């Protein structure tokens, strides 16, 4: 098992201004930018580790369904 965290930024101004915050210091990626980011990761992971099981959790309601997810499940667009 290899845990991976995809840091897509934050909209929390307190965190963005905190010098000890370790996350990406950018506004949260959303929409097509977010979809492209996750899709890029999934495609690279599947290419490098074709037999790997990719499990996602803790997606927010607005981020839980992105186009790559349907492709990952083998559905046609």
C-alpha atoms as a PDB file:
ATOM      1  CA  UNK A   1       0.000   0.000   0.000  1.00  0.00           C
ATOM      2  CA  UNK A   2       1.239   3.472  -0.899  1.00  0.00           C
ATOM      3  CA  UNK A   3      -0.805   6.327   0.560  1.00  0.00           C
ATOM      4  CA  UNK A   4      -0.926   9.403  -1.662  1.00  0.00           C
ATOM      5  CA  UNK A   5      -2.279  12.857  -0.885  1.00  0.00           C
ATOM      6  CA  UNK A   6      -3.330  15.112  -3.745  1.00  0.00           C
ATOM      7  CA  UNK A   7      -3.011  18.675  -2.471  1.00  0.00           C
ATOM      8  CA  UNK A   8      -5.341  20.869  -4.504  1.00  0.00           C
ATOM      9  CA  UNK A   9      -4.901  24.035  -2.454  1.00  0.00           C
ATOM     10  CA  UNK A  10      -7.240  25.640   0.053  1.00  0.00           C
ATOM     11  CA  UNK A  11      -9.706  28.514   0.277  1.00  0.00           C
ATOM     12  CA  UNK A  12      -8.998  28.898   3.990  1.00  0.00           C
ATOM     13  CA  UNK A  13      -7.365  32.332   4.291  1.00  0.00           C
ATOM     14  CA  UNK A  14      -6.080  31.554   7.791  1.00  0.00           C
ATOM     15  CA  UNK A  15      -4.133  28.567   6.462  1.00  0.00           C
ATOM     16  CA  UNK A  16      -2.859  30.476   3.438  1.00  0.00           C
ATOM     17  CA  UNK A  17      -1.368  33.145   5.693  1.00  0.00           C
ATOM     18  CA  UNK A  18      -0.005  30.717   8.298  1.00  0.00           C
ATOM     19  CA  UNK A  19       3.811  30.406   7.909  1.00  0.00           C
ATOM     20  CA  UNK A  20       3.639  26.863   9.354  1.00  0.00           C
ATOM     21  CA  UNK A  21       1.054  25.639   6.831  1.00  0.00           C
ATOM     22  CA  UNK A  22       2.622  22.824   4.778  1.00  0.00           C
ATOM     23  CA  UNK A  23      -0.030  22.632   2.075  1.00  0.00           C
ATOM     24  CA  UNK A  24      -0.130  24.193  -1.369  1.00  0.00           C
ATOM     25  CA  UNK A  25      -0.342  27.967  -0.928  1.00  0.00           C
ATOM     26  CA  UNK A  26      -2.843  28.507  -3.711  1.00  0.00           C
ATOM     27  CA  UNK A  27      -6.599  28.825  -3.911  1.00  0.00           C
ATOM     28  CA  UNK A  28      -8.336  25.461  -4.178  1.00  0.00           C
ATOM     29  CA  UNK A  29      -8.339  24.039  -7.697  1.00  0.00           C
ATOM     30  CA  UNK A  30     -11.862  23.511  -8.994  1.00  0.00           C
ATOM     31  CA  UNK A  31     -13.661  22.674 -12.213  1.00  0.00           C
ATOM     32  CA  UNK A  32     -11.589  21.793 -15.271  1.00  0.00           C
ATOM     33  CA  UNK A  33      -8.304  22.602 -13.517  1.00  0.00           C
ATOM     34  CA  UNK A  34      -9.165  20.140 -10.723  1.00  0.00           C
ATOM     35  CA  UNK A  35     -10.403  17.508 -13.176  1.00  0.00           C
ATOM     36  CA  UNK A  36      -7.172  17.765 -15.189  1.00  0.00           C
ATOM     37  CA  UNK A  37      -5.033  17.484 -12.043  1.00  0.00           C
ATOM     38  CA  UNK A  38      -6.748  14.319 -10.807  1.00  0.00           C
ATOM     39  CA  UNK A  39      -6.956  12.835 -14.299  1.00  0.00           C
ATOM     40  CA  UNK A  40      -3.217  13.366 -14.793  1.00  0.00           C
ATOM     41  CA  UNK A  41      -2.464  11.582 -11.532  1.00  0.00           C
ATOM     42  CA  UNK A  42      -4.775   8.640 -12.278  1.00  0.00           C
ATOM     43  CA  UNK A  43      -3.394   8.165 -15.794  1.00  0.00           C
ATOM     44  CA  UNK A  44       0.212   8.279 -14.573  1.00  0.00           C
ATOM     45  CA  UNK A  45      -0.495   5.883 -11.691  1.00  0.00           C
ATOM     46  CA  UNK A  46      -2.281   3.425 -13.971  1.00  0.00           C
ATOM     47  CA  UNK A  47       0.590   3.558 -16.476  1.00  0.00           C
ATOM     48  CA  UNK A  48       3.266   2.993 -13.823  1.00  0.00           C
ATOM     49  CA  UNK A  49       1.268   0.492 -11.761  1.00  0.00           C
ATOM     50  CA  UNK A  50      -1.319  -1.127 -14.046  1.00  0.00           C
ATOM     51  CA  UNK A  51      -2.391  -3.670 -11.418  1.00  0.00           C
ATOM     52  CA  UNK A  52      -2.696  -1.141  -8.593  1.00  0.00           C
ATOM     53  CA  UNK A  53      -5.952  -0.584  -6.790  1.00  0.00           C
ATOM     54  CA  UNK A  54      -6.645   3.149  -6.610  1.00  0.00           C
ATOM     55  CA  UNK A  55      -8.915   4.087  -3.745  1.00  0.00           C
ATOM     56  CA  UNK A  56     -10.155   7.615  -3.134  1.00  0.00           C
ATOM     57  CA  UNK A  57     -11.686   8.955   0.035  1.00  0.00           C
ATOM     58  CA  UNK A  58     -12.508  12.252   1.663  1.00  0.00           C
ATOM     59  CA  UNK A  59     -13.665  13.880  -1.555  1.00  0.00           C
ATOM     60  CA  UNK A  60     -15.940  16.861  -1.009  1.00  0.00           C
ATOM     61  CA  UNK A  61     -19.393  16.676  -2.568  1.00  0.00           C
ATOM     62  CA  UNK A  62     -18.362  18.964  -5.435  1.00  0.00           C
ATOM     63  CA  UNK A  63     -15.169  17.023  -6.171  1.00  0.00           C
ATOM     64  CA  UNK A  64     -16.322  13.416  -5.867  1.00  0.00           C
ATOM     65  CA  UNK A  65     -17.259  12.905  -9.474  1.00  0.00           C
ATOM     66  CA  UNK A  66     -14.839  13.965 -12.160  1.00  0.00           C
ATOM     67  CA  UNK A  67     -14.606  12.814 -15.788  1.00  0.00           C
ATOM     68  CA  UNK A  68     -11.537  10.630 -15.176  1.00  0.00           C
ATOM     69  CA  UNK A  69     -13.484   8.607 -12.618  1.00  0.00           C
ATOM     70  CA  UNK A  70     -15.896   7.461 -15.298  1.00  0.00           C
ATOM     71  CA  UNK A  71     -12.963   6.606 -17.589  1.00  0.00           C
ATOM     72  CA  UNK A  72     -11.246   4.737 -14.737  1.00  0.00           C
ATOM     73  CA  UNK A  73     -14.358   2.608 -14.315  1.00  0.00           C
ATOM     74  CA  UNK A  74     -14.305   1.804 -18.003  1.00  0.00           C
ATOM     75  CA  UNK A  75     -17.343   3.826 -19.031  1.00  0.00           C
ATOM     76  CA  UNK A  76     -17.325   5.473 -22.417  1.00  0.00           C
ATOM     77  CA  UNK A  77     -17.821   9.206 -22.713  1.00  0.00           C
END
